[in-house]
N, C-alpha and C. Protein backbone atom coordinates (compact mmCIF):
# COMPACT_ATOMS: atom_id res chain seq x y z
N MET A 1 115.27 87.26 119.13
CA MET A 1 116.18 88.13 119.93
C MET A 1 117.28 87.85 120.63
N ASN A 2 118.44 88.65 120.67
CA ASN A 2 119.24 88.55 121.81
C ASN A 2 118.99 88.72 123.09
N ASN A 3 120.17 88.34 123.68
CA ASN A 3 119.54 88.45 125.17
C ASN A 3 119.60 89.76 125.93
N ILE A 4 120.11 90.84 125.05
CA ILE A 4 120.13 92.29 125.59
C ILE A 4 118.42 92.69 125.21
N ALA A 5 118.22 92.25 124.26
CA ALA A 5 116.68 92.78 123.99
C ALA A 5 115.84 91.98 124.66
N LEU A 6 116.05 90.49 124.96
CA LEU A 6 115.39 89.75 125.95
C LEU A 6 115.28 90.18 127.45
N ASN A 7 116.43 90.65 127.80
CA ASN A 7 116.50 90.84 129.18
C ASN A 7 115.50 92.60 129.23
N LEU A 8 116.09 93.26 128.40
CA LEU A 8 115.31 94.55 128.39
C LEU A 8 113.74 94.28 128.25
N ALA A 9 113.20 93.27 127.26
CA ALA A 9 111.81 92.87 127.34
C ALA A 9 110.92 92.86 128.84
N LYS A 10 111.88 91.65 129.49
CA LYS A 10 111.41 91.31 130.90
C LYS A 10 111.91 92.65 131.70
N ILE A 11 112.60 93.27 131.54
CA ILE A 11 112.46 94.26 132.84
C ILE A 11 111.15 94.98 132.48
N HIS A 12 110.99 95.44 131.35
CA HIS A 12 109.80 96.62 131.01
C HIS A 12 108.65 95.71 131.59
N LYS A 13 108.80 94.99 131.55
CA LYS A 13 107.19 93.98 132.18
C LYS A 13 106.98 94.70 133.95
N GLN A 14 108.30 94.57 134.32
CA GLN A 14 108.49 95.21 135.71
C GLN A 14 108.43 96.46 136.27
N LEU A 15 108.45 97.00 135.10
CA LEU A 15 108.27 98.75 135.39
C LEU A 15 107.08 99.51 135.31
N PRO A 16 106.54 99.95 136.26
CA PRO A 16 105.46 100.85 135.96
C PRO A 16 105.77 102.10 135.15
N PRO A 17 105.05 102.77 134.24
CA PRO A 17 104.82 103.86 133.46
C PRO A 17 105.78 104.76 134.42
N THR A 18 105.44 105.29 135.22
CA THR A 18 106.40 106.35 135.80
C THR A 18 107.74 106.23 135.85
N THR A 19 107.97 105.06 135.63
CA THR A 19 109.67 104.78 136.32
C THR A 19 110.56 104.61 134.92
N GLN A 20 111.55 105.47 134.42
CA GLN A 20 111.83 105.40 133.48
C GLN A 20 113.42 104.69 133.53
N LEU A 21 113.72 103.51 132.23
CA LEU A 21 114.85 102.67 132.40
C LEU A 21 116.15 103.42 132.12
N LEU A 22 117.50 103.52 132.84
CA LEU A 22 118.23 104.32 132.65
C LEU A 22 119.38 102.91 132.58
N ALA A 23 119.70 102.61 130.83
CA ALA A 23 120.81 101.60 131.00
C ALA A 23 122.08 101.79 131.29
N VAL A 24 123.11 101.30 132.28
CA VAL A 24 124.16 101.29 132.75
C VAL A 24 125.19 100.67 131.84
N SER A 25 125.87 101.68 131.04
CA SER A 25 126.54 100.68 130.19
C SER A 25 127.91 101.16 130.49
N LYS A 26 128.42 101.14 131.42
CA LYS A 26 129.83 101.33 131.93
C LYS A 26 130.60 100.08 131.68
N GLY A 27 131.55 99.78 130.73
CA GLY A 27 132.27 98.67 131.09
C GLY A 27 131.51 97.57 129.78
N GLN A 28 130.45 98.13 129.05
CA GLN A 28 130.05 97.41 128.11
C GLN A 28 130.59 98.17 126.45
N PRO A 29 130.61 97.19 125.44
CA PRO A 29 131.56 97.89 124.19
C PRO A 29 130.22 98.62 123.39
N ILE A 30 130.60 99.02 122.81
CA ILE A 30 129.41 99.96 121.66
C ILE A 30 128.41 98.58 121.43
N THR A 31 128.95 97.73 120.51
CA THR A 31 128.02 96.58 120.32
C THR A 31 127.09 96.44 121.22
N ALA A 32 127.50 96.10 122.23
CA ALA A 32 126.04 96.06 123.27
C ALA A 32 125.16 96.93 123.38
N ILE A 33 125.87 98.12 123.39
CA ILE A 33 124.82 99.28 123.29
C ILE A 33 123.86 99.83 122.15
N ARG A 34 124.54 99.43 120.95
CA ARG A 34 123.81 99.14 119.88
C ARG A 34 122.58 98.11 119.85
N GLN A 35 122.86 97.51 120.54
CA GLN A 35 122.05 96.24 120.34
C GLN A 35 120.89 96.53 121.15
N ALA A 36 121.38 97.18 122.43
CA ALA A 36 120.02 97.75 123.00
C ALA A 36 119.07 98.83 122.74
N ILE A 37 120.07 99.91 121.75
CA ILE A 37 119.34 100.79 121.18
C ILE A 37 118.06 100.00 120.01
N ALA A 38 119.05 98.73 119.41
CA ALA A 38 117.71 98.63 118.41
C ALA A 38 116.59 97.58 119.52
N ALA A 39 116.81 97.42 120.32
CA ALA A 39 116.06 96.85 121.20
C ALA A 39 114.66 98.16 121.74
N GLY A 40 115.27 99.40 121.70
CA GLY A 40 114.51 100.50 122.08
C GLY A 40 114.80 101.06 122.97
N GLN A 41 115.74 100.98 123.57
CA GLN A 41 116.67 101.47 124.87
C GLN A 41 116.99 102.98 124.56
N HIS A 42 116.62 104.08 125.21
CA HIS A 42 117.25 105.62 124.81
C HIS A 42 118.09 106.08 125.72
N ALA A 43 117.80 105.93 126.81
CA ALA A 43 118.86 106.46 128.20
C ALA A 43 119.95 105.36 128.36
N PHE A 44 121.31 106.36 128.47
CA PHE A 44 122.25 105.66 128.87
C PHE A 44 123.08 106.17 129.75
N GLY A 45 123.60 105.21 130.63
CA GLY A 45 124.65 105.79 132.20
C GLY A 45 125.88 105.47 131.79
N GLU A 46 126.79 106.31 132.19
CA GLU A 46 128.24 106.00 132.23
C GLU A 46 128.97 106.45 133.29
N ASN A 47 129.64 105.99 134.08
CA ASN A 47 130.60 106.16 135.40
C ASN A 47 131.75 107.05 135.16
N TYR A 48 132.36 106.76 133.93
CA TYR A 48 133.89 106.81 133.71
C TYR A 48 134.19 107.63 132.18
N LEU A 49 134.52 108.97 132.48
CA LEU A 49 134.62 110.39 131.52
C LEU A 49 135.43 109.34 130.22
N GLN A 50 136.49 108.99 130.77
CA GLN A 50 137.55 108.48 129.66
C GLN A 50 136.76 107.59 128.64
N GLU A 51 135.90 106.77 129.31
CA GLU A 51 135.03 105.43 129.07
C GLU A 51 133.81 106.05 127.90
N ALA A 52 133.42 107.00 128.22
CA ALA A 52 131.92 107.59 127.41
C ALA A 52 132.42 108.16 126.71
N ILE A 53 133.36 108.85 126.32
CA ILE A 53 133.41 110.07 125.66
C ILE A 53 133.20 109.38 123.99
N PRO A 54 134.35 108.34 123.95
CA PRO A 54 134.47 107.94 122.78
C PRO A 54 133.05 107.11 122.48
N LYS A 55 131.76 106.37 123.23
CA LYS A 55 131.06 105.74 122.94
C LYS A 55 129.98 107.08 122.79
N ILE A 56 129.76 108.51 123.21
CA ILE A 56 129.28 108.99 122.72
C ILE A 56 129.29 109.65 121.55
N ILE A 57 130.48 109.77 121.19
CA ILE A 57 131.08 110.15 119.73
C ILE A 57 130.71 108.89 118.56
N ALA A 58 130.96 108.26 119.00
CA ALA A 58 130.48 107.21 118.15
C ALA A 58 129.45 106.95 117.63
N LEU A 59 128.24 107.41 118.59
CA LEU A 59 126.95 106.94 118.44
C LEU A 59 126.22 108.14 118.44
N LYS A 60 126.64 109.09 118.00
CA LYS A 60 126.49 110.73 117.70
C LYS A 60 125.07 110.65 117.17
N GLN A 61 124.68 109.88 116.00
CA GLN A 61 123.67 109.72 114.99
C GLN A 61 122.36 108.93 115.57
N GLU A 62 123.22 108.63 116.81
CA GLU A 62 121.79 107.76 117.33
C GLU A 62 120.95 108.68 118.43
N ASP A 63 119.69 108.49 118.99
CA ASP A 63 118.96 109.13 119.34
C ASP A 63 118.76 108.37 120.87
N ILE A 64 119.62 109.31 121.71
CA ILE A 64 120.49 108.70 123.36
C ILE A 64 120.31 109.80 123.62
N GLU A 65 119.96 109.69 125.04
CA GLU A 65 120.07 110.67 125.99
C GLU A 65 121.25 109.97 126.95
N TRP A 66 122.30 110.53 127.35
CA TRP A 66 123.61 110.43 128.18
C TRP A 66 123.55 110.71 129.51
N HIS A 67 123.45 110.08 130.82
CA HIS A 67 123.62 110.55 131.97
C HIS A 67 125.23 110.25 132.24
N PHE A 68 125.27 111.02 133.09
CA PHE A 68 126.55 110.56 133.83
C PHE A 68 126.39 110.40 135.46
N ILE A 69 126.88 109.22 135.77
CA ILE A 69 126.64 108.74 136.89
C ILE A 69 127.70 108.75 137.97
N GLY A 70 128.64 108.73 137.78
CA GLY A 70 129.71 108.60 138.59
C GLY A 70 130.40 109.84 139.17
N ALA A 71 131.24 109.12 139.89
CA ALA A 71 132.34 110.50 140.96
C ALA A 71 132.62 111.87 139.53
N ILE A 72 133.08 112.66 140.10
CA ILE A 72 133.09 113.90 139.34
C ILE A 72 134.16 114.81 139.81
N GLN A 73 135.21 114.33 139.06
CA GLN A 73 136.33 115.23 139.21
C GLN A 73 136.49 116.90 138.85
N ALA A 74 137.00 117.68 139.53
CA ALA A 74 136.75 119.02 138.90
C ALA A 74 137.44 119.34 137.47
N ASN A 75 138.51 118.62 137.38
CA ASN A 75 139.14 118.72 136.19
C ASN A 75 138.21 118.37 134.81
N LYS A 76 137.04 117.11 135.23
CA LYS A 76 136.45 116.57 134.17
C LYS A 76 135.12 117.23 134.01
N THR A 77 134.74 118.27 134.56
CA THR A 77 133.07 119.09 134.47
C THR A 77 133.20 119.50 132.94
N ARG A 78 133.82 120.16 132.48
CA ARG A 78 134.07 120.68 131.07
C ARG A 78 133.35 119.88 130.14
N LEU A 79 133.90 118.51 129.99
CA LEU A 79 133.71 117.49 128.87
C LEU A 79 131.96 117.13 129.40
N ILE A 80 131.85 117.12 130.65
CA ILE A 80 130.50 116.66 131.57
C ILE A 80 129.55 117.68 130.82
N ALA A 81 129.85 118.62 131.06
CA ALA A 81 129.08 119.73 130.49
C ALA A 81 128.53 120.06 129.22
N GLU A 82 129.67 119.29 128.37
CA GLU A 82 129.11 119.49 127.24
C GLU A 82 128.38 118.38 126.60
N TYR A 83 129.02 117.05 126.84
CA TYR A 83 128.73 115.81 126.40
C TYR A 83 127.33 115.49 126.85
N PHE A 84 127.07 115.62 128.19
CA PHE A 84 125.51 114.85 128.65
C PHE A 84 124.77 115.96 129.19
N THR A 85 123.54 114.89 128.91
CA THR A 85 122.39 115.57 128.96
C THR A 85 121.91 115.74 130.90
N TRP A 86 122.37 114.60 131.25
CA TRP A 86 122.03 114.54 132.91
C TRP A 86 123.28 114.15 133.65
N VAL A 87 123.33 114.88 135.03
CA VAL A 87 123.91 114.12 136.00
C VAL A 87 123.73 114.18 137.04
N HIS A 88 123.67 112.82 137.77
CA HIS A 88 123.23 112.52 138.82
C HIS A 88 124.01 112.68 139.83
N SER A 89 125.30 113.24 139.89
CA SER A 89 126.20 112.49 141.06
C SER A 89 126.78 114.01 141.77
N VAL A 90 125.88 114.81 141.54
CA VAL A 90 126.63 116.58 142.09
C VAL A 90 126.23 116.17 143.59
N ASP A 91 127.37 116.69 144.25
CA ASP A 91 127.32 116.70 145.59
C ASP A 91 127.87 117.54 146.32
N ARG A 92 128.12 118.59 145.47
CA ARG A 92 128.74 119.97 146.09
C ARG A 92 128.71 120.77 145.45
N PHE A 93 128.79 122.19 146.21
CA PHE A 93 128.27 123.45 145.14
C PHE A 93 129.49 123.68 144.19
N SER A 94 130.71 123.65 144.29
CA SER A 94 131.71 124.27 143.84
C SER A 94 131.51 123.29 142.10
N ILE A 95 131.32 121.78 142.23
CA ILE A 95 131.32 120.99 140.97
C ILE A 95 129.50 121.75 140.33
N ALA A 96 128.98 122.01 141.01
CA ALA A 96 127.22 122.19 140.47
C ALA A 96 128.03 123.68 139.60
N LYS A 97 128.61 124.45 140.30
CA LYS A 97 129.25 125.81 139.91
C LYS A 97 130.09 125.70 138.48
N ARG A 98 131.03 124.79 138.22
CA ARG A 98 131.46 124.38 137.44
C ARG A 98 130.73 124.01 136.39
N LEU A 99 130.02 123.10 136.29
CA LEU A 99 129.14 122.35 135.54
C LEU A 99 128.32 123.73 134.98
N ASN A 100 127.89 124.73 135.87
CA ASN A 100 126.66 125.64 134.95
C ASN A 100 127.61 126.66 134.19
N ASP A 101 128.79 127.01 134.71
CA ASP A 101 129.77 127.92 134.14
C ASP A 101 130.00 127.51 132.57
N GLN A 102 130.45 126.00 132.42
CA GLN A 102 130.69 125.17 131.33
C GLN A 102 129.88 124.67 130.47
N ARG A 103 128.80 125.12 130.54
CA ARG A 103 127.51 124.43 129.85
C ARG A 103 127.49 125.06 128.91
N PRO A 104 127.57 124.55 127.55
CA PRO A 104 127.43 125.08 126.37
C PRO A 104 126.07 126.13 126.27
N THR A 105 125.98 127.61 126.14
CA THR A 105 124.85 128.20 125.85
C THR A 105 123.68 127.82 124.57
N THR A 106 124.89 127.21 123.65
CA THR A 106 123.43 126.52 123.00
C THR A 106 123.07 125.37 122.93
N LEU A 107 123.21 124.93 124.50
CA LEU A 107 122.20 123.35 125.02
C LEU A 107 121.41 124.01 126.15
N LEU A 108 120.06 123.15 126.42
CA LEU A 108 119.44 123.13 127.37
C LEU A 108 120.27 123.39 128.62
N PRO A 109 119.71 123.84 129.39
CA PRO A 109 120.29 123.64 130.93
C PRO A 109 120.57 122.40 131.23
N LEU A 110 121.54 122.06 131.80
CA LEU A 110 121.75 120.71 132.28
C LEU A 110 120.84 120.30 133.29
N ASN A 111 120.68 118.47 133.39
CA ASN A 111 119.50 118.13 134.29
C ASN A 111 120.29 117.63 135.71
N ILE A 112 120.17 118.01 136.53
CA ILE A 112 120.87 117.73 137.81
C ILE A 112 119.81 117.26 138.59
N CYS A 113 120.78 116.01 139.16
CA CYS A 113 120.21 115.08 140.47
C CYS A 113 121.65 115.37 142.15
N ILE A 114 120.95 115.60 142.68
CA ILE A 114 122.03 115.89 143.94
C ILE A 114 122.22 114.40 144.61
N GLN A 115 123.34 113.83 144.74
CA GLN A 115 123.57 112.74 145.24
C GLN A 115 123.68 112.74 146.99
N VAL A 116 123.11 112.05 147.25
CA VAL A 116 122.38 111.86 149.11
C VAL A 116 123.32 110.47 149.33
N ASN A 117 124.36 110.88 150.44
CA ASN A 117 124.73 109.28 151.04
C ASN A 117 124.25 109.20 152.11
N LEU A 118 122.93 108.28 151.87
CA LEU A 118 121.96 107.87 153.12
C LEU A 118 122.30 107.14 154.24
N ASP A 119 123.76 106.36 153.94
CA ASP A 119 124.09 106.15 155.11
C ASP A 119 125.74 106.65 155.70
N GLU A 120 126.03 107.55 154.88
CA GLU A 120 127.58 108.10 155.53
C GLU A 120 128.68 107.33 154.84
N GLU A 121 128.55 106.38 154.05
CA GLU A 121 129.77 105.86 154.05
C GLU A 121 130.64 106.19 153.13
N ASN A 122 131.95 106.03 153.65
CA ASN A 122 133.14 106.72 153.05
C ASN A 122 133.43 106.44 152.10
N SER A 123 132.83 105.43 151.71
CA SER A 123 133.85 104.67 150.30
C SER A 123 132.63 105.41 149.11
N LYS A 124 131.32 106.14 149.23
CA LYS A 124 130.59 106.68 148.44
C LYS A 124 130.86 108.21 148.37
N GLY A 125 130.20 108.67 147.43
CA GLY A 125 130.01 110.36 147.40
C GLY A 125 128.71 110.50 147.86
N GLY A 126 128.03 111.66 147.94
CA GLY A 126 126.94 112.24 148.33
C GLY A 126 126.94 113.00 149.47
N ILE A 127 125.88 113.71 149.64
CA ILE A 127 125.98 114.92 150.80
C ILE A 127 125.23 113.98 152.25
N LYS A 128 124.96 114.60 153.22
CA LYS A 128 124.47 114.16 154.19
C LYS A 128 123.32 115.16 154.13
N LEU A 129 121.66 113.76 154.83
CA LEU A 129 120.55 114.67 154.62
C LEU A 129 120.33 115.51 155.07
N SER A 130 121.40 116.29 156.02
CA SER A 130 120.91 117.36 156.82
C SER A 130 121.66 118.71 155.74
N GLU A 131 122.37 118.36 155.37
CA GLU A 131 122.90 119.49 154.15
C GLU A 131 122.13 119.71 152.65
N LEU A 132 121.07 118.95 152.19
CA LEU A 132 120.57 118.99 151.41
C LEU A 132 120.00 120.07 151.01
N SER A 133 119.10 120.79 151.56
CA SER A 133 118.18 121.46 151.52
C SER A 133 119.08 123.21 151.14
N ALA A 134 120.01 123.14 151.76
CA ALA A 134 121.19 124.44 151.06
C ALA A 134 121.54 124.21 149.89
N LEU A 135 122.10 123.03 149.56
CA LEU A 135 122.71 122.72 148.51
C LEU A 135 121.90 122.93 147.53
N ALA A 136 120.61 122.40 147.41
CA ALA A 136 119.27 122.36 146.30
C ALA A 136 119.29 124.14 146.37
N LEU A 137 119.13 124.67 147.67
CA LEU A 137 118.92 125.91 147.08
C LEU A 137 120.14 127.22 146.57
N ALA A 138 121.18 126.44 146.77
CA ALA A 138 122.08 127.12 145.87
C ALA A 138 122.20 126.44 144.14
N ILE A 139 121.96 125.13 144.14
CA ILE A 139 121.61 124.52 142.65
C ILE A 139 120.58 125.69 141.94
N ALA A 140 119.64 125.66 142.31
CA ALA A 140 118.66 126.32 141.70
C ALA A 140 118.85 127.75 141.43
N ASP A 141 119.50 128.51 141.76
CA ASP A 141 119.61 129.55 141.56
C ASP A 141 120.76 130.09 140.15
N LEU A 142 121.74 128.81 139.74
CA LEU A 142 122.49 129.05 138.59
C LEU A 142 121.76 128.30 137.31
N PRO A 143 122.01 129.30 136.15
CA PRO A 143 120.90 129.76 134.94
C PRO A 143 120.76 128.48 134.07
N HIS A 144 122.03 127.88 134.27
CA HIS A 144 122.27 126.71 132.96
C HIS A 144 122.32 125.44 133.61
N LEU A 145 121.63 124.84 135.00
CA LEU A 145 121.80 123.80 135.41
C LEU A 145 119.99 124.06 135.65
N GLN A 146 119.34 122.50 135.51
CA GLN A 146 117.91 122.28 136.33
C GLN A 146 117.73 121.36 136.82
N LEU A 147 117.57 121.82 138.53
CA LEU A 147 117.99 121.27 139.42
C LEU A 147 116.21 120.08 139.19
N ARG A 148 116.43 118.80 139.26
CA ARG A 148 115.24 117.70 138.35
C ARG A 148 114.74 117.06 140.13
N GLY A 149 116.10 116.48 140.99
CA GLY A 149 115.88 115.61 141.88
C GLY A 149 116.82 115.05 142.73
N LEU A 150 116.78 114.00 143.18
CA LEU A 150 117.69 113.19 143.89
C LEU A 150 118.14 112.05 143.57
N MET A 151 119.56 111.42 143.82
CA MET A 151 119.97 110.33 143.28
C MET A 151 120.81 109.86 144.76
N ALA A 152 120.72 108.46 145.11
CA ALA A 152 121.64 107.66 146.11
C ALA A 152 122.05 106.08 146.11
N ILE A 153 122.57 105.94 146.31
CA ILE A 153 123.18 104.29 146.09
C ILE A 153 123.46 104.27 147.58
N PRO A 154 122.12 103.33 148.33
CA PRO A 154 122.17 102.57 149.49
C PRO A 154 123.23 101.92 149.96
N ALA A 155 123.93 101.61 151.22
CA ALA A 155 124.36 100.21 151.79
C ALA A 155 123.96 98.87 151.42
N PRO A 156 124.19 98.45 150.67
CA PRO A 156 123.56 96.72 150.24
C PRO A 156 122.76 96.08 151.33
N GLN A 157 121.88 95.78 151.19
CA GLN A 157 120.89 94.90 151.73
C GLN A 157 120.57 93.94 150.83
N THR A 158 119.78 92.56 151.21
CA THR A 158 119.83 91.51 150.58
C THR A 158 117.99 91.12 150.96
N GLU A 159 117.51 91.88 151.90
CA GLU A 159 116.12 91.84 152.24
C GLU A 159 115.61 92.76 152.18
N PHE A 160 114.25 92.53 151.31
CA PHE A 160 113.26 93.36 150.24
C PHE A 160 112.82 94.63 151.55
N GLU A 161 112.52 94.23 152.71
CA GLU A 161 111.73 95.22 153.39
C GLU A 161 113.25 96.63 153.97
N LEU A 162 114.26 95.63 153.94
CA LEU A 162 115.57 96.18 154.39
C LEU A 162 115.76 97.66 153.48
N GLN A 163 115.72 96.92 151.85
CA GLN A 163 116.01 98.09 151.10
C GLN A 163 114.87 99.06 150.81
N ARG A 164 113.98 98.60 150.77
CA ARG A 164 112.85 99.59 150.99
C ARG A 164 113.04 100.66 152.08
N ALA A 165 113.18 100.43 153.40
CA ALA A 165 113.40 101.08 154.23
C ALA A 165 114.57 102.24 153.87
N SER A 166 115.72 101.75 153.20
CA SER A 166 116.59 103.07 152.77
C SER A 166 115.78 104.04 151.71
N PHE A 167 115.61 103.23 150.64
CA PHE A 167 114.79 103.94 150.03
C PHE A 167 113.82 105.33 150.33
N HIS A 168 113.24 104.59 151.21
CA HIS A 168 112.01 105.41 151.96
C HIS A 168 112.61 106.24 152.51
N ARG A 169 113.84 106.58 152.91
CA ARG A 169 114.47 107.90 153.56
C ARG A 169 114.79 108.52 152.50
N LEU A 170 114.85 108.51 151.18
CA LEU A 170 115.43 109.50 149.95
C LEU A 170 114.25 109.81 149.54
N SER A 171 112.81 109.07 149.55
CA SER A 171 111.70 109.73 148.72
C SER A 171 111.08 110.58 150.02
N VAL A 172 111.59 110.42 151.44
CA VAL A 172 110.88 111.26 152.43
C VAL A 172 111.52 112.78 151.93
N ALA A 173 113.02 112.88 151.91
CA ALA A 173 113.44 113.92 152.07
C ALA A 173 113.38 114.44 150.34
N PHE A 174 112.98 113.47 149.04
CA PHE A 174 112.54 114.55 148.16
C PHE A 174 110.94 115.28 148.39
N LYS A 175 110.23 114.76 148.86
CA LYS A 175 109.20 115.48 149.26
C LYS A 175 108.76 116.32 149.98
N ASN A 176 110.15 116.15 151.22
CA ASN A 176 110.41 117.52 151.95
C ASN A 176 110.72 118.82 150.99
N LEU A 177 111.68 118.58 150.03
CA LEU A 177 111.88 119.36 148.97
C LEU A 177 111.09 120.06 148.42
N GLN A 178 110.08 119.32 147.80
CA GLN A 178 108.75 119.39 146.83
C GLN A 178 107.97 120.33 147.92
N GLN A 179 107.99 119.98 148.99
CA GLN A 179 106.92 120.88 150.24
C GLN A 179 107.49 122.41 150.04
N GLN A 180 109.49 122.38 150.01
CA GLN A 180 109.80 123.54 150.28
C GLN A 180 109.85 124.64 149.26
N GLY A 181 108.96 124.19 147.94
CA GLY A 181 109.18 124.84 146.95
C GLY A 181 109.73 124.45 145.88
N PHE A 182 110.42 123.72 145.97
CA PHE A 182 111.12 122.91 144.48
C PHE A 182 110.52 122.44 144.17
N LYS A 183 110.83 122.77 142.28
CA LYS A 183 109.91 122.31 141.40
C LYS A 183 110.78 120.76 141.07
N ILE A 184 110.83 119.76 141.73
CA ILE A 184 111.57 118.42 141.38
C ILE A 184 110.75 116.97 141.09
N ASP A 185 111.37 116.27 140.25
CA ASP A 185 110.42 115.48 139.73
C ASP A 185 111.10 114.27 139.62
N THR A 186 112.24 114.13 140.02
CA THR A 186 112.92 112.73 139.91
C THR A 186 113.62 112.34 140.62
N LEU A 187 113.27 110.87 141.12
CA LEU A 187 114.13 110.54 142.12
C LEU A 187 115.15 109.17 141.14
N SER A 188 116.03 108.80 141.30
CA SER A 188 117.31 107.95 140.92
C SER A 188 117.68 107.23 141.56
N MET A 189 117.12 106.02 141.71
CA MET A 189 117.36 104.98 143.00
C MET A 189 116.83 103.58 142.46
N GLY A 190 117.62 102.56 143.15
CA GLY A 190 117.71 101.21 142.46
C GLY A 190 118.51 100.47 141.31
N MET A 191 119.11 99.52 141.57
CA MET A 191 120.10 99.17 140.67
C MET A 191 119.59 97.80 140.45
N SER A 192 120.27 96.98 140.13
CA SER A 192 120.08 95.55 139.03
C SER A 192 119.22 94.71 140.42
N ASP A 193 120.06 94.77 141.60
CA ASP A 193 120.06 93.95 142.96
C ASP A 193 118.70 94.52 143.48
N ASP A 194 118.21 95.61 143.66
CA ASP A 194 117.20 96.20 144.39
C ASP A 194 116.07 96.95 143.96
N PHE A 195 116.30 97.15 142.27
CA PHE A 195 115.31 98.53 141.68
C PHE A 195 113.81 97.95 142.12
N MET A 196 113.36 96.92 142.61
CA MET A 196 111.70 96.47 142.64
C MET A 196 111.70 97.25 144.02
N ALA A 197 112.08 97.35 145.40
CA ALA A 197 112.35 98.20 146.10
C ALA A 197 111.99 99.60 146.21
N ALA A 198 113.16 100.12 145.25
CA ALA A 198 113.45 101.34 144.70
C ALA A 198 111.81 101.68 144.28
N ILE A 199 111.27 100.86 143.33
CA ILE A 199 110.00 101.40 142.72
C ILE A 199 108.67 101.51 143.89
N ALA A 200 108.79 100.54 144.63
CA ALA A 200 107.94 100.61 145.45
C ALA A 200 107.61 101.87 146.55
N GLU A 201 109.22 102.25 146.37
CA GLU A 201 109.22 103.65 147.06
C GLU A 201 109.25 104.80 146.31
N GLY A 202 108.67 104.88 144.91
CA GLY A 202 108.64 105.72 144.25
C GLY A 202 109.46 106.25 143.03
N ALA A 203 110.45 105.41 142.95
CA ALA A 203 111.60 105.81 141.88
C ALA A 203 111.42 105.92 140.86
N THR A 204 111.60 107.20 139.84
CA THR A 204 111.35 107.35 138.57
C THR A 204 112.30 107.14 137.62
N ILE A 205 113.69 106.84 138.17
CA ILE A 205 114.46 106.53 137.21
C ILE A 205 115.25 104.98 138.53
N VAL A 206 115.19 103.99 137.29
CA VAL A 206 115.82 103.01 137.70
C VAL A 206 117.41 102.67 136.98
N ARG A 207 118.48 102.68 137.48
CA ARG A 207 119.44 102.52 136.81
C ARG A 207 120.60 100.79 136.73
N LEU A 208 120.17 100.47 135.80
CA LEU A 208 120.39 98.66 135.67
C LEU A 208 121.43 98.41 134.55
N GLY A 209 122.40 97.88 135.18
CA GLY A 209 123.45 97.28 134.22
C GLY A 209 123.38 95.73 134.04
N ALA A 210 123.98 95.16 135.04
CA ALA A 210 124.10 93.57 135.21
C ALA A 210 122.81 93.17 134.60
N ALA A 211 121.17 93.70 134.96
CA ALA A 211 120.24 92.73 134.93
C ALA A 211 119.86 93.11 133.09
N ILE A 212 120.81 93.86 132.33
CA ILE A 212 120.66 94.56 130.94
C ILE A 212 121.51 93.41 130.38
N PHE A 213 122.92 93.79 130.58
CA PHE A 213 123.69 93.42 129.85
C PHE A 213 124.51 91.87 130.36
N GLY A 214 124.28 91.65 131.53
CA GLY A 214 125.11 90.76 132.16
C GLY A 214 126.67 90.97 132.69
N GLN A 215 126.98 90.32 133.30
CA GLN A 215 128.40 90.93 133.95
C GLN A 215 129.22 91.79 133.38
N ARG A 216 129.83 92.68 134.06
CA ARG A 216 130.83 93.80 132.94
C ARG A 216 131.59 93.36 132.67
N ASN A 217 132.11 93.65 131.43
CA ASN A 217 133.35 93.01 130.77
C ASN A 217 134.25 94.33 131.08
N SER A 218 135.47 94.32 130.70
CA SER A 218 136.49 95.35 130.67
C SER A 218 136.14 96.02 129.34
N PHE A 219 136.45 97.46 129.49
CA PHE A 219 135.88 98.06 128.24
C PHE A 219 136.57 97.81 127.04
N LEU A 220 135.40 97.57 125.71
CA LEU A 220 135.99 97.20 124.42
C LEU A 220 135.25 98.22 123.62
N VAL A 221 136.19 98.68 122.42
CA VAL A 221 135.16 99.50 121.60
C VAL A 221 134.59 98.66 120.90
């Protein structure tokens, strides 16, 4: 087996059945994605629309679920709504509304995670925890979107317990929304350096790039 297949096999041994692996393929060539597909990987995450669209078109015959996980500019929503099955990075109603209005009616509703900025870092997208319920309520009323859950990228921590403490806050917010009646099922949290802590706090999707593909390359088709 190649390194990608070996890496995937190693990761899957660490994942419980309740956690899905999202392979973050930004910066990776189509050849690397094909290797991951051959090893059984089904879901792929992309951050940059201009990089993602050629990959999606080139691999349209493959059984792939594409997730958009990057920052969303208003002028990019139409293509995101047309080409992706999931969006993990919605953090304001104006973007959600555009995605809803631009989702082709021939497709199933677009699966949405609200991005939460747990540590209120200026360098990251996401809403404050205090704003979460209001945005969830607004998104739930949009007919072409399906609110599935929450996503976060906490401030980096090297100690397992500190990593877990950050993810715990998102897990609590997730359960609070469920208690309010939102029918959500997805906690998208955990990356290559902290996914075990995320799993310990109930992650249903972990987003791994380097752990699968190695360090990112400049994008080459």
